[in-house]
């Protein structure tokens, strides 16, 4: 006999199971002084740091939807077993190593005795807005040389969301030259970057203690640092496992970015960076010049999507997600 009550109960259970997906993930942004915490469905995702003690703004840490941290703790945190190299590799950040000869990449306070160092300092936080679909931060920053001279202004929008069960950050960055000219020099030391958690690094000569499980894969299927470093690609994925759970981070380079597809400064020890400038390094050819010069008032715009995904590269459907995000599938 047909049990109408059982059918109703079954439909109710199904509705309750799919309700979070129907309503979307609830994103909350909360400002506390010089930082903004981002949570999704009540669980911490990341925090945006922009205080006067930071020589550039950064996100730390990045987490998967289940809360696993996928970025290195150092230098913000002391975690046993982590390599304490490159203190300027802070979570996820955007900077460059040669802007009119000024280094905005390796620009920590502890590094200021070595070279011409600049700072990327907050001008204003313009928007902090969140709802059940996404959270948005809009801010402006000043890129200043060691004497305080303004070289570049930056307008940045970051959108935080969850899609397909994965945490995502979209970046839309517009740089404007305030000097005449401004030269973004040819160096591998840049530009849009993430420093991966130790477990997600590839196995490398300096690896000690914590087992490394990571593997670098680009859109052309090239694997490992040896085959992906310095190559051009629309996206790169860095995945492995933490506590036995497979996961990774993908960076997607928008087709409208300068010189798309980007070159990649991606290392087995965990540095993961898109860099369109470093051509003479990437091609091992000193005759190449990948620099970009801007007259005063000229702009450069960069857009990236960062996907913190479960599973390995093959599980993340990155090419289809890249096409959907960028609109390149219809071009």
C-alpha atoms as a PDB file:
ATOM      1  CA  UNK A   1       0.000   0.000   0.000  1.00  0.00           C
ATOM      2  CA  UNK A   2       1.261   3.466  -0.828  1.00  0.00           C
ATOM      3  CA  UNK A   3       2.442   5.208   2.358  1.00  0.00           C
ATOM      4  CA  UNK A   4       1.776   8.920   1.829  1.00  0.00           C
ATOM      5  CA  UNK A   5       3.335   9.775   5.209  1.00  0.00           C
ATOM      6  CA  UNK A   6       6.538   7.957   4.323  1.00  0.00           C
ATOM      7  CA  UNK A   7       6.705   9.828   1.022  1.00  0.00           C
ATOM      8  CA  UNK A   8       6.267  13.157   2.794  1.00  0.00           C
ATOM      9  CA  UNK A   9       8.967  12.275   5.320  1.00  0.00           C
ATOM     10  CA  UNK A  10      11.307  11.234   2.490  1.00  0.00           C
ATOM     11  CA  UNK A  11      10.703  14.491   0.618  1.00  0.00           C
ATOM     12  CA  UNK A  12      11.222  16.491   3.803  1.00  0.00           C
ATOM     13  CA  UNK A  13      14.549  14.786   4.495  1.00  0.00           C
ATOM     14  CA  UNK A  14      15.646  15.414   0.887  1.00  0.00           C
ATOM     15  CA  UNK A  15      14.637  19.075   1.121  1.00  0.00           C
ATOM     16  CA  UNK A  16      16.563  19.537   4.364  1.00  0.00           C
ATOM     17  CA  UNK A  17      19.609  17.888   2.787  1.00  0.00           C
ATOM     18  CA  UNK A  18      19.645  20.154  -0.280  1.00  0.00           C
ATOM     19  CA  UNK A  19      18.478  23.328   1.486  1.00  0.00           C
ATOM     20  CA  UNK A  20      22.034  24.695   2.084  1.00  0.00           C
ATOM     21  CA  UNK A  21      22.852  24.280  -1.616  1.00  0.00           C
ATOM     22  CA  UNK A  22      19.580  25.941  -2.642  1.00  0.00           C
ATOM     23  CA  UNK A  23      20.049  28.900  -0.324  1.00  0.00           C
ATOM     24  CA  UNK A  24      23.758  29.247  -0.974  1.00  0.00           C
ATOM     25  CA  UNK A  25      26.574  29.577   1.522  1.00  0.00           C
ATOM     26  CA  UNK A  26      26.260  32.359   4.080  1.00  0.00           C
ATOM     27  CA  UNK A  27      29.353  34.574   3.885  1.00  0.00           C
ATOM     28  CA  UNK A  28      30.217  36.880   6.775  1.00  0.00           C
ATOM     29  CA  UNK A  29      32.917  39.579   6.848  1.00  0.00           C
ATOM     30  CA  UNK A  30      33.825  41.114  10.196  1.00  0.00           C
ATOM     31  CA  UNK A  31      36.299  43.978  10.562  1.00  0.00           C
ATOM     32  CA  UNK A  32      38.395  44.204  13.701  1.00  0.00           C
ATOM     33  CA  UNK A  33      40.816  47.123  13.440  1.00  0.00           C
ATOM     34  CA  UNK A  34      43.460  46.351  10.839  1.00  0.00           C
ATOM     35  CA  UNK A  35      42.031  43.015   9.731  1.00  0.00           C
ATOM     36  CA  UNK A  36      38.851  41.568   8.241  1.00  0.00           C
ATOM     37  CA  UNK A  37      37.857  37.994   9.066  1.00  0.00           C
ATOM     38  CA  UNK A  38      35.974  35.976   6.463  1.00  0.00           C
ATOM     39  CA  UNK A  39      33.754  33.033   7.406  1.00  0.00           C
ATOM     40  CA  UNK A  40      31.432  30.872   5.319  1.00  0.00           C
ATOM     41  CA  UNK A  41      28.512  29.037   6.915  1.00  0.00           C
ATOM     42  CA  UNK A  42      29.901  29.929  10.328  1.00  0.00           C
ATOM     43  CA  UNK A  43      33.340  28.437   9.668  1.00  0.00           C
ATOM     44  CA  UNK A  44      36.530  30.528   9.327  1.00  0.00           C
ATOM     45  CA  UNK A  45      37.852  30.823   5.768  1.00  0.00           C
ATOM     46  CA  UNK A  46      40.591  33.475   5.887  1.00  0.00           C
ATOM     47  CA  UNK A  47      41.575  36.869   7.305  1.00  0.00           C
ATOM     48  CA  UNK A  48      42.689  39.939   5.359  1.00  0.00           C
ATOM     49  CA  UNK A  49      45.584  41.814   7.023  1.00  0.00           C
ATOM     50  CA  UNK A  50      46.387  45.406   6.059  1.00  0.00           C
ATOM     51  CA  UNK A  51      47.798  47.065   9.192  1.00  0.00           C
ATOM     52  CA  UNK A  52      50.745  49.415   9.439  1.00  0.00           C
ATOM     53  CA  UNK A  53      52.926  46.534  10.637  1.00  0.00           C
ATOM     54  CA  UNK A  54      52.418  44.730   7.288  1.00  0.00           C
ATOM     55  CA  UNK A  55      54.679  45.822   4.434  1.00  0.00           C
ATOM     56  CA  UNK A  56      52.035  44.558   1.994  1.00  0.00           C
ATOM     57  CA  UNK A  57      48.418  43.362   2.440  1.00  0.00           C
ATOM     58  CA  UNK A  58      47.827  39.610   2.570  1.00  0.00           C
ATOM     59  CA  UNK A  59      45.320  36.845   3.303  1.00  0.00           C
ATOM     60  CA  UNK A  60      46.189  34.295   5.984  1.00  0.00           C
ATOM     61  CA  UNK A  61      45.473  31.453   6.173  1.00  0.00           C
ATOM     62  CA  UNK A  62      43.422  29.964   3.337  1.00  0.00           C
ATOM     63  CA  UNK A  63      41.185  27.055   4.341  1.00  0.00           C
ATOM     64  CA  UNK A  64      39.158  24.401   2.574  1.00  0.00           C
ATOM     65  CA  UNK A  65      35.403  24.176   3.144  1.00  0.00           C
ATOM     66  CA  UNK A  66      36.025  21.661   5.953  1.00  0.00           C
ATOM     67  CA  UNK A  67      38.450  24.039   7.669  1.00  0.00           C
ATOM     68  CA  UNK A  68      41.797  22.504   6.676  1.00  0.00           C
ATOM     69  CA  UNK A  69      44.563  25.109   6.326  1.00  0.00           C
ATOM     70  CA  UNK A  70      46.293  24.888   2.924  1.00  0.00           C
ATOM     71  CA  UNK A  71      48.833  27.715   3.326  1.00  0.00           C
ATOM     72  CA  UNK A  72      52.051  27.906   5.319  1.00  0.00           C
ATOM     73  CA  UNK A  73      51.891  29.472   8.787  1.00  0.00           C
ATOM     74  CA  UNK A  74      55.355  31.118   8.878  1.00  0.00           C
ATOM     75  CA  UNK A  75      56.116  33.964   9.486  1.00  0.00           C
ATOM     76  CA  UNK A  76      52.715  34.755  11.009  1.00  0.00           C
ATOM     77  CA  UNK A  77      52.713  31.575  13.119  1.00  0.00           C
ATOM     78  CA  UNK A  78      55.378  29.216  14.407  1.00  0.00           C
ATOM     79  CA  UNK A  79      54.406  25.664  13.391  1.00  0.00           C
ATOM     80  CA  UNK A  80      56.658  22.704  14.126  1.00  0.00           C
ATOM     81  CA  UNK A  81      58.211  21.188  11.021  1.00  0.00           C
ATOM     82  CA  UNK A  82      57.677  24.132   8.688  1.00  0.00           C
ATOM     83  CA  UNK A  83      60.600  25.601   6.773  1.00  0.00           C
ATOM     84  CA  UNK A  84      61.320  29.129   7.930  1.00  0.00           C
ATOM     85  CA  UNK A  85      62.568  30.497   4.633  1.00  0.00           C
ATOM     86  CA  UNK A  86      61.383  33.465   2.564  1.00  0.00           C
ATOM     87  CA  UNK A  87      59.647  35.431   5.364  1.00  0.00           C
ATOM     88  CA  UNK A  88      58.011  37.602   2.693  1.00  0.00           C
ATOM     89  CA  UNK A  89      55.874  34.641   1.566  1.00  0.00           C
ATOM     90  CA  UNK A  90      52.781  35.594   3.573  1.00  0.00           C
ATOM     91  CA  UNK A  91      49.671  33.490   2.843  1.00  0.00           C
ATOM     92  CA  UNK A  92      48.280  34.937  -0.384  1.00  0.00           C
ATOM     93  CA  UNK A  93      49.488  38.315  -1.662  1.00  0.00           C
ATOM     94  CA  UNK A  94      50.191  40.548  -4.674  1.00  0.00           C
ATOM     95  CA  UNK A  95      53.432  42.499  -5.112  1.00  0.00           C
ATOM     96  CA  UNK A  96      56.454  42.734  -7.402  1.00  0.00           C
ATOM     97  CA  UNK A  97      60.218  42.746  -6.979  1.00  0.00           C
ATOM     98  CA  UNK A  98      61.178  45.592  -9.332  1.00  0.00           C
ATOM     99  CA  UNK A  99      59.048  48.714  -9.756  1.00  0.00           C
ATOM    100  CA  UNK A 100      61.346  51.530 -10.860  1.00  0.00           C
ATOM    101  CA  UNK A 101      64.088  49.607  -9.097  1.00  0.00           C
ATOM    102  CA  UNK A 102      62.139  49.310  -5.832  1.00  0.00           C
ATOM    103  CA  UNK A 103      61.498  45.879  -4.331  1.00  0.00           C
ATOM    104  CA  UNK A 104      57.916  45.356  -3.133  1.00  0.00           C
ATOM    105  CA  UNK A 105      58.315  41.540  -3.073  1.00  0.00           C
ATOM    106  CA  UNK A 106      61.022  40.735  -0.480  1.00  0.00           C
ATOM    107  CA  UNK A 107      60.188  43.835   1.537  1.00  0.00           C
ATOM    108  CA  UNK A 108      59.853  42.620   5.115  1.00  0.00           C
ATOM    109  CA  UNK A 109      61.204  44.894   7.841  1.00  0.00           C
ATOM    110  CA  UNK A 110      63.930  42.309   8.460  1.00  0.00           C
ATOM    111  CA  UNK A 111      65.007  42.562   4.797  1.00  0.00           C
ATOM    112  CA  UNK A 112      65.352  46.333   4.576  1.00  0.00           C
ATOM    113  CA  UNK A 113      69.102  46.371   4.913  1.00  0.00           C
ATOM    114  CA  UNK A 114      69.388  44.495   1.607  1.00  0.00           C
ATOM    115  CA  UNK A 115      68.426  46.690  -1.317  1.00  0.00           C
ATOM    116  CA  UNK A 116      65.855  49.322  -2.177  1.00  0.00           C
ATOM    117  CA  UNK A 117      62.640  48.297  -0.404  1.00  0.00           C
ATOM    118  CA  UNK A 118      59.148  49.714  -0.767  1.00  0.00           C
ATOM    119  CA  UNK A 119      55.870  49.315   1.122  1.00  0.00           C
ATOM    120  CA  UNK A 120      52.286  48.747  -0.005  1.00  0.00           C
ATOM    121  CA  UNK A 121      50.213  50.622   2.561  1.00  0.00           C
ATOM    122  CA  UNK A 122      46.488  51.019   3.064  1.00  0.00           C
ATOM    123  CA  UNK A 123      44.824  54.121   1.706  1.00  0.00           C
ATOM    124  CA  UNK A 124      41.202  53.194   2.438  1.00  0.00           C
ATOM    125  CA  UNK A 125      38.843  50.294   2.988  1.00  0.00           C
ATOM    126  CA  UNK A 126      35.923  51.338   0.801  1.00  0.00           C
ATOM    127  CA  UNK A 127      33.539  48.364   0.982  1.00  0.00           C
ATOM    128  CA  UNK A 128      33.005  45.498   3.393  1.00  0.00           C
ATOM    129  CA  UNK A 129      29.813  43.759   2.347  1.00  0.00           C
ATOM    130  CA  UNK A 130      28.539  40.225   2.798  1.00  0.00           C
ATOM    131  CA  UNK A 131      25.396  38.186   2.244  1.00  0.00           C
ATOM    132  CA  UNK A 132      24.340  34.605   1.605  1.00  0.00           C
ATOM    133  CA  UNK A 133      26.083  34.481  -1.783  1.00  0.00           C
ATOM    134  CA  UNK A 134      29.432  36.212  -1.327  1.00  0.00           C
ATOM    135  CA  UNK A 135      31.456  38.684   0.658  1.00  0.00           C
ATOM    136  CA  UNK A 136      33.213  41.627  -0.986  1.00  0.00           C
ATOM    137  CA  UNK A 137      36.117  43.791   0.142  1.00  0.00           C
ATOM    138  CA  UNK A 138      37.088  46.847  -1.891  1.00  0.00           C
ATOM    139  CA  UNK A 139      40.203  48.729  -0.857  1.00  0.00           C
ATOM    140  CA  UNK A 140      42.896  51.067  -2.160  1.00  0.00           C
ATOM    141  CA  UNK A 141      46.631  50.975  -1.469  1.00  0.00           C
ATOM    142  CA  UNK A 142      49.707  53.121  -2.114  1.00  0.00           C
ATOM    143  CA  UNK A 143      52.952  51.607  -3.429  1.00  0.00           C
ATOM    144  CA  UNK A 144      55.660  53.856  -1.985  1.00  0.00           C
ATOM    145  CA  UNK A 145      59.422  53.845  -2.346  1.00  0.00           C
ATOM    146  CA  UNK A 146      61.840  53.895   0.620  1.00  0.00           C
ATOM    147  CA  UNK A 147      61.703  57.688   0.763  1.00  0.00           C
ATOM    148  CA  UNK A 148      57.890  57.734   0.773  1.00  0.00           C
ATOM    149  CA  UNK A 149      57.487  58.722  -2.865  1.00  0.00           C
ATOM    150  CA  UNK A 150      54.287  57.390  -4.437  1.00  0.00           C
ATOM    151  CA  UNK A 151      54.928  55.178  -7.478  1.00  0.00           C
ATOM    152  CA  UNK A 152      51.666  53.272  -7.944  1.00  0.00           C
ATOM    153  CA  UNK A 153      48.135  53.257  -6.578  1.00  0.00           C
ATOM    154  CA  UNK A 154      46.229  49.991  -6.353  1.00  0.00           C
ATOM    155  CA  UNK A 155      42.471  49.433  -6.379  1.00  0.00           C
ATOM    156  CA  UNK A 156      41.601  45.920  -5.245  1.00  0.00           C
ATOM    157  CA  UNK A 157      38.342  44.002  -5.103  1.00  0.00           C
ATOM    158  CA  UNK A 158      38.215  40.576  -3.467  1.00  0.00           C
ATOM    159  CA  UNK A 159      35.082  38.431  -3.545  1.00  0.00           C
ATOM    160  CA  UNK A 160      34.774  35.411  -1.232  1.00  0.00           C
ATOM    161  CA  UNK A 161      32.331  32.598  -1.952  1.00  0.00           C
ATOM    162  CA  UNK A 162      31.702  28.871  -1.976  1.00  0.00           C
ATOM    163  CA  UNK A 163      30.907  27.020  -5.191  1.00  0.00           C
ATOM    164  CA  UNK A 164      30.612  23.290  -5.748  1.00  0.00           C
ATOM    165  CA  UNK A 165      31.633  22.742  -2.132  1.00  0.00           C
ATOM    166  CA  UNK A 166      34.927  24.626  -2.605  1.00  0.00           C
ATOM    167  CA  UNK A 167      36.026  27.942  -1.104  1.00  0.00           C
ATOM    168  CA  UNK A 168      36.908  30.578  -3.712  1.00  0.00           C
ATOM    169  CA  UNK A 169      38.463  34.045  -3.795  1.00  0.00           C
ATOM    170  CA  UNK A 170      38.231  36.296  -6.852  1.00  0.00           C
ATOM    171  CA  UNK A 171      40.777  39.103  -7.178  1.00  0.00           C
ATOM    172  CA  UNK A 172      40.356  42.181  -9.388  1.00  0.00           C
ATOM    173  CA  UNK A 173      43.425  44.431  -9.096  1.00  0.00           C
ATOM    174  CA  UNK A 174      43.963  47.726 -10.961  1.00  0.00           C
ATOM    175  CA  UNK A 175      47.362  49.428 -10.751  1.00  0.00           C
ATOM    176  CA  UNK A 176      47.786  53.076 -11.805  1.00  0.00           C
ATOM    177  CA  UNK A 177      51.145  54.730 -12.432  1.00  0.00           C
ATOM    178  CA  UNK A 178      51.677  57.856 -10.332  1.00  0.00           C
ATOM    179  CA  UNK A 179      55.226  58.514 -11.519  1.00  0.00           C
ATOM    180  CA  UNK A 180      56.276  59.067 -15.124  1.00  0.00           C
ATOM    181  CA  UNK A 181      57.195  56.499 -16.179  1.00  0.00           C
ATOM    182  CA  UNK A 182      56.652  53.439 -13.967  1.00  0.00           C
ATOM    183  CA  UNK A 183      58.541  50.341 -15.082  1.00  0.00           C
ATOM    184  CA  UNK A 184      57.489  46.921 -13.803  1.00  0.00           C
ATOM    185  CA  UNK A 185      60.838  45.261 -14.335  1.00  0.00           C
ATOM    186  CA  UNK A 186      61.733  41.850 -15.690  1.00  0.00           C
ATOM    187  CA  UNK A 187      62.298  39.648 -12.641  1.00  0.00           C
ATOM    188  CA  UNK A 188      61.001  36.297 -11.501  1.00  0.00           C
ATOM    189  CA  UNK A 189      60.402  37.814  -8.046  1.00  0.00           C
ATOM    190  CA  UNK A 190      56.638  38.339  -8.293  1.00  0.00           C
ATOM    191  CA  UNK A 191      53.718  38.710  -8.547  1.00  0.00           C
ATOM    192  CA  UNK A 192      50.344  37.155  -7.524  1.00  0.00           C
ATOM    193  CA  UNK A 193      51.267  34.422  -5.079  1.00  0.00           C
ATOM    194  CA  UNK A 194      50.315  31.796  -2.516  1.00  0.00           C
ATOM    195  CA  UNK A 195      52.703  29.932  -0.193  1.00  0.00           C
ATOM    196  CA  UNK A 196      51.500  26.355   0.168  1.00  0.00           C
ATOM    197  CA  UNK A 197      51.255  24.336   3.382  1.00  0.00           C
ATOM    198  CA  UNK A 198      54.213  22.044   4.032  1.00  0.00           C
ATOM    199  CA  UNK A 199      52.313  18.802   3.379  1.00  0.00           C
ATOM    200  CA  UNK A 200      51.242  20.111  -0.033  1.00  0.00           C
ATOM    201  CA  UNK A 201      54.783  20.881  -1.207  1.00  0.00           C
ATOM    202  CA  UNK A 202      56.411  18.612  -3.748  1.00  0.00           C
ATOM    203  CA  UNK A 203      59.205  16.412  -2.468  1.00  0.00           C
ATOM    204  CA  UNK A 204      62.426  18.440  -2.713  1.00  0.00           C
ATOM    205  CA  UNK A 205      66.011  18.428  -1.502  1.00  0.00           C
ATOM    206  CA  UNK A 206      65.360  20.601   1.549  1.00  0.00           C
ATOM    207  CA  UNK A 207      62.309  18.604   2.681  1.00  0.00           C
ATOM    208  CA  UNK A 208      62.708  17.236   6.191  1.00  0.00           C
ATOM    209  CA  UNK A 209      60.332  15.786   8.745  1.00  0.00           C
ATOM    210  CA  UNK A 210      56.762  16.327   7.526  1.00  0.00           C
ATOM    211  CA  UNK A 211      56.012  14.105   4.488  1.00  0.00           C
ATOM    212  CA  UNK A 212      55.423  16.047   1.266  1.00  0.00           C
ATOM    213  CA  UNK A 213      52.557  14.857  -0.926  1.00  0.00           C
ATOM    214  CA  UNK A 214      52.140  17.678  -3.458  1.00  0.00           C
ATOM    215  CA  UNK A 215      52.243  17.815  -7.216  1.00  0.00           C
ATOM    216  CA  UNK A 216      52.169  20.800  -9.564  1.00  0.00           C
ATOM    217  CA  UNK A 217      50.002  20.430 -12.703  1.00  0.00           C
ATOM    218  CA  UNK A 218      49.215  23.079 -15.327  1.00  0.00           C
ATOM    219  CA  UNK A 219      46.449  23.359 -17.931  1.00  0.00           C
ATOM    220  CA  UNK A 220      48.598  21.612 -20.529  1.00  0.00           C
ATOM    221  CA  UNK A 221      49.108  18.642 -18.216  1.00  0.00           C
ATOM    222  CA  UNK A 222      52.759  19.418 -17.443  1.00  0.00           C
ATOM    223  CA  UNK A 223      53.599  18.077 -13.995  1.00  0.00           C
ATOM    224  CA  UNK A 224      56.142  19.032 -11.307  1.00  0.00           C
ATOM    225  CA  UNK A 225      58.261  22.144 -10.904  1.00  0.00           C
ATOM    226  CA  UNK A 226      60.737  20.863 -13.484  1.00  0.00           C
ATOM    227  CA  UNK A 227      58.088  20.971 -16.205  1.00  0.00           C
ATOM    228  CA  UNK A 228      55.780  23.788 -15.075  1.00  0.00           C
ATOM    229  CA  UNK A 229      58.183  26.460 -13.744  1.00  0.00           C
ATOM    230  CA  UNK A 230      58.544  29.368 -16.158  1.00  0.00           C
ATOM    231  CA  UNK A 231      55.946  27.966 -18.556  1.00  0.00           C
ATOM    232  CA  UNK A 232      52.862  29.794 -19.748  1.00  0.00           C
ATOM    233  CA  UNK A 233      49.457  28.403 -18.855  1.00  0.00           C
ATOM    234  CA  UNK A 234      45.889  29.576 -18.245  1.00  0.00           C
ATOM    235  CA  UNK A 235      45.833  27.889 -14.854  1.00  0.00           C
ATOM    236  CA  UNK A 236      48.021  25.890 -12.499  1.00  0.00           C
ATOM    237  CA  UNK A 237      46.999  23.546  -9.695  1.00  0.00           C
ATOM    238  CA  UNK A 238      49.028  22.541  -6.649  1.00  0.00           C
ATOM    239  CA  UNK A 239      47.483  19.552  -4.865  1.00  0.00           C
ATOM    240  CA  UNK A 240      48.349  16.796  -2.403  1.00  0.00           C
ATOM    241  CA  UNK A 241      46.913  15.525   0.861  1.00  0.00           C
ATOM    242  CA  UNK A 242      46.780  16.664   4.464  1.00  0.00           C
ATOM    243  CA  UNK A 243      45.979  14.083   7.147  1.00  0.00           C
ATOM    244  CA  UNK A 244      45.164  11.662   4.353  1.00  0.00           C
ATOM    245  CA  UNK A 245      42.568  13.961   2.714  1.00  0.00           C
ATOM    246  CA  UNK A 246      43.293  15.008  -0.887  1.00  0.00           C
ATOM    247  CA  UNK A 247      43.011  18.737  -1.558  1.00  0.00           C
ATOM    248  CA  UNK A 248      44.676  21.556  -3.445  1.00  0.00           C
ATOM    249  CA  UNK A 249      44.804  25.159  -4.586  1.00  0.00           C
ATOM    250  CA  UNK A 250      44.279  26.294  -8.173  1.00  0.00           C
ATOM    251  CA  UNK A 251      45.051  29.769  -9.537  1.00  0.00           C
ATOM    252  CA  UNK A 252      43.229  30.798 -12.717  1.00  0.00           C
ATOM    253  CA  UNK A 253      44.612  33.591 -14.913  1.00  0.00           C
ATOM    254  CA  UNK A 254      41.918  35.661 -16.648  1.00  0.00           C
ATOM    255  CA  UNK A 255      42.160  35.845 -20.475  1.00  0.00           C
ATOM    256  CA  UNK A 256      42.071  39.650 -20.344  1.00  0.00           C
ATOM    257  CA  UNK A 257      45.145  39.852 -18.098  1.00  0.00           C
ATOM    258  CA  UNK A 258      48.340  41.278 -19.608  1.00  0.00           C
ATOM    259  CA  UNK A 259      50.241  38.655 -21.644  1.00  0.00           C
ATOM    260  CA  UNK A 260      47.717  35.895 -20.923  1.00  0.00           C
ATOM    261  CA  UNK A 261      48.417  33.038 -20.458  1.00  0.00           C
ATOM    262  CA  UNK A 262      50.681  33.934 -17.564  1.00  0.00           C
ATOM    263  CA  UNK A 263      54.148  32.625 -16.846  1.00  0.00           C
ATOM    264  CA  UNK A 264      54.358  30.742 -13.538  1.00  0.00           C
ATOM    265  CA  UNK A 265      56.979  31.084 -10.821  1.00  0.00           C
ATOM    266  CA  UNK A 266      55.933  27.857  -9.097  1.00  0.00           C
ATOM    267  CA  UNK A 267      58.365  25.930  -6.924  1.00  0.00           C
ATOM    268  CA  UNK A 268      58.387  22.477  -5.370  1.00  0.00           C
ATOM    269  CA  UNK A 269      59.102  24.020  -1.940  1.00  0.00           C
ATOM    270  CA  UNK A 270      55.665  25.668  -1.975  1.00  0.00           C
ATOM    271  CA  UNK A 271      55.892  29.051  -3.717  1.00  0.00           C
ATOM    272  CA  UNK A 272      53.011  29.360  -6.196  1.00  0.00           C
ATOM    273  CA  UNK A 273      53.004  32.575  -8.256  1.00  0.00           C
ATOM    274  CA  UNK A 274      51.660  33.968 -11.517  1.00  0.00           C
ATOM    275  CA  UNK A 275      54.222  36.382 -12.992  1.00  0.00           C
ATOM    276  CA  UNK A 276      53.980  37.918 -16.462  1.00  0.00           C
ATOM    277  CA  UNK A 277      57.176  39.963 -16.108  1.00  0.00           C
ATOM    278  CA  UNK A 278      60.066  37.536 -15.546  1.00  0.00           C
ATOM    279  CA  UNK A 279      60.769  36.488 -19.120  1.00  0.00           C
ATOM    280  CA  UNK A 280      64.561  36.580 -19.107  1.00  0.00           C
ATOM    281  CA  UNK A 281      64.572  34.274 -16.063  1.00  0.00           C
ATOM    282  CA  UNK A 282      61.897  31.944 -17.368  1.00  0.00           C
ATOM    283  CA  UNK A 283      63.508  31.633 -20.805  1.00  0.00           C
ATOM    284  CA  UNK A 284      67.085  31.720 -19.431  1.00  0.00           C
ATOM    285  CA  UNK A 285      67.724  34.414 -22.031  1.00  0.00           C
ATOM    286  CA  UNK A 286      69.155  37.777 -20.962  1.00  0.00           C
ATOM    287  CA  UNK A 287      68.180  39.288 -24.327  1.00  0.00           C
ATOM    288  CA  UNK A 288      64.477  38.992 -23.470  1.00  0.00           C
ATOM    289  CA  UNK A 289      62.745  41.851 -21.697  1.00  0.00           C
ATOM    290  CA  UNK A 290      59.420  41.080 -20.048  1.00  0.00           C
ATOM    291  CA  UNK A 291      59.060  44.469 -18.374  1.00  0.00           C
ATOM    292  CA  UNK A 292      55.995  46.676 -18.832  1.00  0.00           C
ATOM    293  CA  UNK A 293      56.294  50.464 -18.800  1.00  0.00           C
ATOM    294  CA  UNK A 294      53.416  52.783 -17.894  1.00  0.00           C
ATOM    295  CA  UNK A 295      53.156  56.524 -18.408  1.00  0.00           C
ATOM    296  CA  UNK A 296      51.681  58.492 -15.520  1.00  0.00           C
ATOM    297  CA  UNK A 297      47.965  57.714 -15.301  1.00  0.00           C
ATOM    298  CA  UNK A 298      48.201  54.472 -17.285  1.00  0.00           C
ATOM    299  CA  UNK A 299      46.734  51.336 -15.736  1.00  0.00           C
ATOM    300  CA  UNK A 300      47.307  47.599 -15.545  1.00  0.00           C
ATOM    301  CA  UNK A 301      44.461  45.303 -14.552  1.00  0.00           C
ATOM    302  CA  UNK A 302      44.866  41.749 -13.229  1.00  0.00           C
ATOM    303  CA  UNK A 303      42.100  39.269 -12.422  1.00  0.00           C
ATOM    304  CA  UNK A 304      42.616  35.890 -10.791  1.00  0.00           C
ATOM    305  CA  UNK A 305      40.434  33.208  -9.275  1.00  0.00           C
ATOM    306  CA  UNK A 306      41.777  31.045  -6.435  1.00  0.00           C
ATOM    307  CA  UNK A 307      39.954  27.757  -5.849  1.00  0.00           C
ATOM    308  CA  UNK A 308      40.693  25.820  -2.671  1.00  0.00           C
ATOM    309  CA  UNK A 309      39.358  22.436  -3.685  1.00  0.00           C
ATOM    310  CA  UNK A 310      38.883  18.942  -2.339  1.00  0.00           C
ATOM    311  CA  UNK A 311      40.429  16.062  -4.300  1.00  0.00           C
ATOM    312  CA  UNK A 312      43.419  16.066  -6.608  1.00  0.00           C
ATOM    313  CA  UNK A 313      43.710  18.009  -9.871  1.00  0.00           C
ATOM    314  CA  UNK A 314      41.768  15.482 -11.944  1.00  0.00           C
ATOM    315  CA  UNK A 315      38.849  15.689  -9.498  1.00  0.00           C
ATOM    316  CA  UNK A 316      38.534  19.491  -9.577  1.00  0.00           C
ATOM    317  CA  UNK A 317      37.231  19.993 -13.178  1.00  0.00           C
ATOM    318  CA  UNK A 318      39.496  23.000 -13.518  1.00  0.00           C
ATOM    319  CA  UNK A 319      39.339  23.499 -17.278  1.00  0.00           C
ATOM    320  CA  UNK A 320      35.548  23.652 -17.314  1.00  0.00           C
ATOM    321  CA  UNK A 321      35.560  25.905 -14.262  1.00  0.00           C
ATOM    322  CA  UNK A 322      38.138  28.162 -15.911  1.00  0.00           C
ATOM    323  CA  UNK A 323      35.975  28.450 -19.035  1.00  0.00           C
ATOM    324  CA  UNK A 324      32.832  29.159 -17.022  1.00  0.00           C
ATOM    325  CA  UNK A 325      34.567  31.851 -14.941  1.00  0.00           C
ATOM    326  CA  UNK A 326      36.435  33.544 -17.751  1.00  0.00           C
ATOM    327  CA  UNK A 327      33.900  33.163 -20.548  1.00  0.00           C
ATOM    328  CA  UNK A 328      36.664  31.668 -22.682  1.00  0.00           C
ATOM    329  CA  UNK A 329      34.566  28.655 -23.606  1.00  0.00           C
ATOM    330  CA  UNK A 330      32.358  30.845 -25.799  1.00  0.00           C
ATOM    331  CA  UNK A 331      35.191  32.729 -27.521  1.00  0.00           C
END
